[in-house]
């Protein structure tokens, strides 16, 4: 199989939306607002039966969308390996971020993959999905 790479691909400049369903829309809003200091970038109600919120930082190249549909059960994360990983190469910024997260009362959980525990801390959101705050640079060292 030949890999085709193009530095000029439209996808290399695309904004990324990570979307997933939830049964706990308001709990996720509170969680991500407090722990990662995300802002509400957008919100909708009863759009073809769905309610949702988009959370993130205005200048970031990504945001999260959480949706709920009446009468549908989304459930919890299917495994402990469903991760959002944030790479923070500066040690003081990493410590500041971890301190801010833990000041909300959240405590780290052991990572399913011990690699993340070597230079990072893992936290779990209300749906059981995990966030890693990693003190390193992508590509990882």
C-alpha atoms as a PDB file:
ATOM      1  CA  UNK A   1       0.000   0.000   0.000  1.00  0.00           C
ATOM      2  CA  UNK A   2       1.417   3.384  -0.981  1.00  0.00           C
ATOM      3  CA  UNK A   3       0.923   6.294   1.364  1.00  0.00           C
ATOM      4  CA  UNK A   4      -0.009   9.542  -0.330  1.00  0.00           C
ATOM      5  CA  UNK A   5       0.819  12.659   1.629  1.00  0.00           C
ATOM      6  CA  UNK A   6       0.252  16.207   0.578  1.00  0.00           C
ATOM      7  CA  UNK A   7       1.208  19.248   2.647  1.00  0.00           C
ATOM      8  CA  UNK A   8      -1.325  21.195   0.577  1.00  0.00           C
ATOM      9  CA  UNK A   9      -4.270  18.914   1.301  1.00  0.00           C
ATOM     10  CA  UNK A  10      -7.398  20.847   2.320  1.00  0.00           C
ATOM     11  CA  UNK A  11      -7.594  18.555   5.360  1.00  0.00           C
ATOM     12  CA  UNK A  12      -4.248  19.841   6.619  1.00  0.00           C
ATOM     13  CA  UNK A  13      -5.969  23.173   7.351  1.00  0.00           C
ATOM     14  CA  UNK A  14      -9.438  21.932   8.339  1.00  0.00           C
ATOM     15  CA  UNK A  15     -11.062  22.808  11.646  1.00  0.00           C
ATOM     16  CA  UNK A  16     -11.852  19.574  13.529  1.00  0.00           C
ATOM     17  CA  UNK A  17     -15.167  18.924  15.290  1.00  0.00           C
ATOM     18  CA  UNK A  18     -15.219  15.898  17.565  1.00  0.00           C
ATOM     19  CA  UNK A  19     -18.858  14.930  18.030  1.00  0.00           C
ATOM     20  CA  UNK A  20     -20.462  12.349  20.253  1.00  0.00           C
ATOM     21  CA  UNK A  21     -23.804  11.604  21.839  1.00  0.00           C
ATOM     22  CA  UNK A  22     -24.481  11.867  25.541  1.00  0.00           C
ATOM     23  CA  UNK A  23     -27.229  11.385  28.089  1.00  0.00           C
ATOM     24  CA  UNK A  24     -25.698  14.105  30.290  1.00  0.00           C
ATOM     25  CA  UNK A  25     -25.564  17.291  28.223  1.00  0.00           C
ATOM     26  CA  UNK A  26     -25.612  19.745  31.143  1.00  0.00           C
ATOM     27  CA  UNK A  27     -23.117  17.698  33.173  1.00  0.00           C
ATOM     28  CA  UNK A  28     -20.682  17.749  30.243  1.00  0.00           C
ATOM     29  CA  UNK A  29     -21.162  21.497  29.809  1.00  0.00           C
ATOM     30  CA  UNK A  30     -20.248  22.032  33.462  1.00  0.00           C
ATOM     31  CA  UNK A  31     -17.369  19.521  33.343  1.00  0.00           C
ATOM     32  CA  UNK A  32     -15.605  20.897  30.259  1.00  0.00           C
ATOM     33  CA  UNK A  33     -16.255  24.517  31.232  1.00  0.00           C
ATOM     34  CA  UNK A  34     -14.664  24.020  34.653  1.00  0.00           C
ATOM     35  CA  UNK A  35     -11.886  21.525  33.924  1.00  0.00           C
ATOM     36  CA  UNK A  36     -10.624  22.648  30.500  1.00  0.00           C
ATOM     37  CA  UNK A  37     -12.037  26.199  30.653  1.00  0.00           C
ATOM     38  CA  UNK A  38     -13.943  25.616  27.407  1.00  0.00           C
ATOM     39  CA  UNK A  39     -16.510  28.192  26.312  1.00  0.00           C
ATOM     40  CA  UNK A  40     -19.856  27.556  24.679  1.00  0.00           C
ATOM     41  CA  UNK A  41     -19.236  28.175  20.969  1.00  0.00           C
ATOM     42  CA  UNK A  42     -22.757  27.238  19.934  1.00  0.00           C
ATOM     43  CA  UNK A  43     -25.915  25.624  21.181  1.00  0.00           C
ATOM     44  CA  UNK A  44     -29.101  24.291  19.611  1.00  0.00           C
ATOM     45  CA  UNK A  45     -32.391  22.794  20.770  1.00  0.00           C
ATOM     46  CA  UNK A  46     -34.819  20.496  18.981  1.00  0.00           C
ATOM     47  CA  UNK A  47     -32.915  20.496  15.700  1.00  0.00           C
ATOM     48  CA  UNK A  48     -34.585  17.493  14.057  1.00  0.00           C
ATOM     49  CA  UNK A  49     -35.076  16.032  17.553  1.00  0.00           C
ATOM     50  CA  UNK A  50     -31.536  16.761  18.767  1.00  0.00           C
ATOM     51  CA  UNK A  51     -30.238  19.166  21.403  1.00  0.00           C
ATOM     52  CA  UNK A  52     -26.557  20.003  21.461  1.00  0.00           C
ATOM     53  CA  UNK A  53     -23.672  22.193  22.491  1.00  0.00           C
ATOM     54  CA  UNK A  54     -20.324  22.998  20.910  1.00  0.00           C
ATOM     55  CA  UNK A  55     -17.508  23.673  23.384  1.00  0.00           C
ATOM     56  CA  UNK A  56     -13.933  24.799  22.945  1.00  0.00           C
ATOM     57  CA  UNK A  57     -11.642  27.785  22.670  1.00  0.00           C
ATOM     58  CA  UNK A  58     -12.446  30.322  19.944  1.00  0.00           C
ATOM     59  CA  UNK A  59      -8.993  30.293  18.345  1.00  0.00           C
ATOM     60  CA  UNK A  60      -8.340  26.552  18.632  1.00  0.00           C
ATOM     61  CA  UNK A  61      -8.385  24.399  15.520  1.00  0.00           C
ATOM     62  CA  UNK A  62     -10.885  22.016  17.102  1.00  0.00           C
ATOM     63  CA  UNK A  63     -14.041  21.940  19.184  1.00  0.00           C
ATOM     64  CA  UNK A  64     -16.221  19.325  20.849  1.00  0.00           C
ATOM     65  CA  UNK A  65     -19.889  18.787  20.090  1.00  0.00           C
ATOM     66  CA  UNK A  66     -22.176  16.872  22.423  1.00  0.00           C
ATOM     67  CA  UNK A  67     -25.673  15.919  21.343  1.00  0.00           C
ATOM     68  CA  UNK A  68     -28.642  14.256  22.914  1.00  0.00           C
ATOM     69  CA  UNK A  69     -31.801  12.920  21.312  1.00  0.00           C
ATOM     70  CA  UNK A  70     -34.965  12.407  23.270  1.00  0.00           C
ATOM     71  CA  UNK A  71     -35.815   8.739  23.649  1.00  0.00           C
ATOM     72  CA  UNK A  72     -32.291   7.581  22.704  1.00  0.00           C
ATOM     73  CA  UNK A  73     -29.812   6.217  25.243  1.00  0.00           C
ATOM     74  CA  UNK A  74     -26.192   7.039  24.403  1.00  0.00           C
ATOM     75  CA  UNK A  75     -24.637   5.209  27.351  1.00  0.00           C
ATOM     76  CA  UNK A  76     -21.102   5.452  28.690  1.00  0.00           C
ATOM     77  CA  UNK A  77     -17.759   5.221  26.918  1.00  0.00           C
ATOM     78  CA  UNK A  78     -17.264   1.762  25.432  1.00  0.00           C
ATOM     79  CA  UNK A  79     -13.728   1.500  26.846  1.00  0.00           C
ATOM     80  CA  UNK A  80     -11.113   3.322  28.906  1.00  0.00           C
ATOM     81  CA  UNK A  81      -9.091   3.859  25.722  1.00  0.00           C
ATOM     82  CA  UNK A  82     -11.450   6.472  24.272  1.00  0.00           C
ATOM     83  CA  UNK A  83      -9.171   9.470  24.789  1.00  0.00           C
ATOM     84  CA  UNK A  84      -8.734  13.118  23.997  1.00  0.00           C
ATOM     85  CA  UNK A  85      -5.022  13.866  24.376  1.00  0.00           C
ATOM     86  CA  UNK A  86      -3.770  17.417  24.857  1.00  0.00           C
ATOM     87  CA  UNK A  87      -0.013  17.810  24.367  1.00  0.00           C
ATOM     88  CA  UNK A  88       1.497  20.595  26.460  1.00  0.00           C
ATOM     89  CA  UNK A  89       5.277  20.745  25.900  1.00  0.00           C
ATOM     90  CA  UNK A  90       5.984  23.493  28.460  1.00  0.00           C
ATOM     91  CA  UNK A  91       6.314  21.949  31.953  1.00  0.00           C
ATOM     92  CA  UNK A  92       5.043  25.035  33.796  1.00  0.00           C
ATOM     93  CA  UNK A  93       1.984  25.331  31.516  1.00  0.00           C
ATOM     94  CA  UNK A  94       1.347  21.610  32.008  1.00  0.00           C
ATOM     95  CA  UNK A  95       1.541  21.983  35.825  1.00  0.00           C
ATOM     96  CA  UNK A  96      -0.697  25.062  35.715  1.00  0.00           C
ATOM     97  CA  UNK A  97      -3.283  23.172  33.640  1.00  0.00           C
ATOM     98  CA  UNK A  98      -3.207  20.121  35.924  1.00  0.00           C
ATOM     99  CA  UNK A  99      -3.534  22.350  39.012  1.00  0.00           C
ATOM    100  CA  UNK A 100      -6.488  24.177  37.443  1.00  0.00           C
ATOM    101  CA  UNK A 101      -8.217  20.876  36.618  1.00  0.00           C
ATOM    102  CA  UNK A 102      -7.606  19.425  40.074  1.00  0.00           C
ATOM    103  CA  UNK A 103      -8.770  22.659  41.764  1.00  0.00           C
ATOM    104  CA  UNK A 104     -12.268  21.719  40.521  1.00  0.00           C
ATOM    105  CA  UNK A 105     -12.137  18.600  42.714  1.00  0.00           C
ATOM    106  CA  UNK A 106     -11.314  16.224  39.873  1.00  0.00           C
ATOM    107  CA  UNK A 107      -8.662  13.622  40.595  1.00  0.00           C
ATOM    108  CA  UNK A 108      -6.609  11.691  38.044  1.00  0.00           C
ATOM    109  CA  UNK A 109      -7.448   8.094  37.212  1.00  0.00           C
ATOM    110  CA  UNK A 110      -4.882   5.443  36.265  1.00  0.00           C
ATOM    111  CA  UNK A 111      -4.591   5.257  32.511  1.00  0.00           C
ATOM    112  CA  UNK A 112      -5.515   1.978  30.847  1.00  0.00           C
ATOM    113  CA  UNK A 113      -2.313   2.356  28.793  1.00  0.00           C
ATOM    114  CA  UNK A 114       0.532   3.084  31.258  1.00  0.00           C
ATOM    115  CA  UNK A 115       2.317   5.149  28.590  1.00  0.00           C
ATOM    116  CA  UNK A 116       0.085   8.141  29.398  1.00  0.00           C
ATOM    117  CA  UNK A 117       0.914   7.988  33.116  1.00  0.00           C
ATOM    118  CA  UNK A 118       4.659   8.416  32.501  1.00  0.00           C
ATOM    119  CA  UNK A 119       4.408  12.072  31.467  1.00  0.00           C
ATOM    120  CA  UNK A 120       0.746  12.897  31.847  1.00  0.00           C
ATOM    121  CA  UNK A 121      -2.384  12.697  33.895  1.00  0.00           C
ATOM    122  CA  UNK A 122      -5.665  11.144  32.847  1.00  0.00           C
ATOM    123  CA  UNK A 123      -9.124  12.340  33.899  1.00  0.00           C
ATOM    124  CA  UNK A 124     -12.587  10.928  33.239  1.00  0.00           C
ATOM    125  CA  UNK A 125     -15.620  12.943  32.113  1.00  0.00           C
ATOM    126  CA  UNK A 126     -19.208  12.214  33.287  1.00  0.00           C
ATOM    127  CA  UNK A 127     -19.718   9.776  30.389  1.00  0.00           C
ATOM    128  CA  UNK A 128     -16.545   7.800  31.142  1.00  0.00           C
ATOM    129  CA  UNK A 129     -14.535   9.213  28.233  1.00  0.00           C
ATOM    130  CA  UNK A 130     -11.018  10.155  29.181  1.00  0.00           C
ATOM    131  CA  UNK A 131      -8.842  13.224  28.776  1.00  0.00           C
ATOM    132  CA  UNK A 132      -5.056  13.059  28.952  1.00  0.00           C
ATOM    133  CA  UNK A 133      -3.043  16.160  29.754  1.00  0.00           C
ATOM    134  CA  UNK A 134       0.377  15.124  28.463  1.00  0.00           C
ATOM    135  CA  UNK A 135       3.602  16.971  29.242  1.00  0.00           C
ATOM    136  CA  UNK A 136       5.331  16.502  25.913  1.00  0.00           C
ATOM    137  CA  UNK A 137       5.307  17.571  22.339  1.00  0.00           C
ATOM    138  CA  UNK A 138       3.713  15.970  19.310  1.00  0.00           C
ATOM    139  CA  UNK A 139       5.309  14.030  17.807  1.00  0.00           C
ATOM    140  CA  UNK A 140       5.905  12.538  21.179  1.00  0.00           C
ATOM    141  CA  UNK A 141       9.441  12.296  22.508  1.00  0.00           C
END
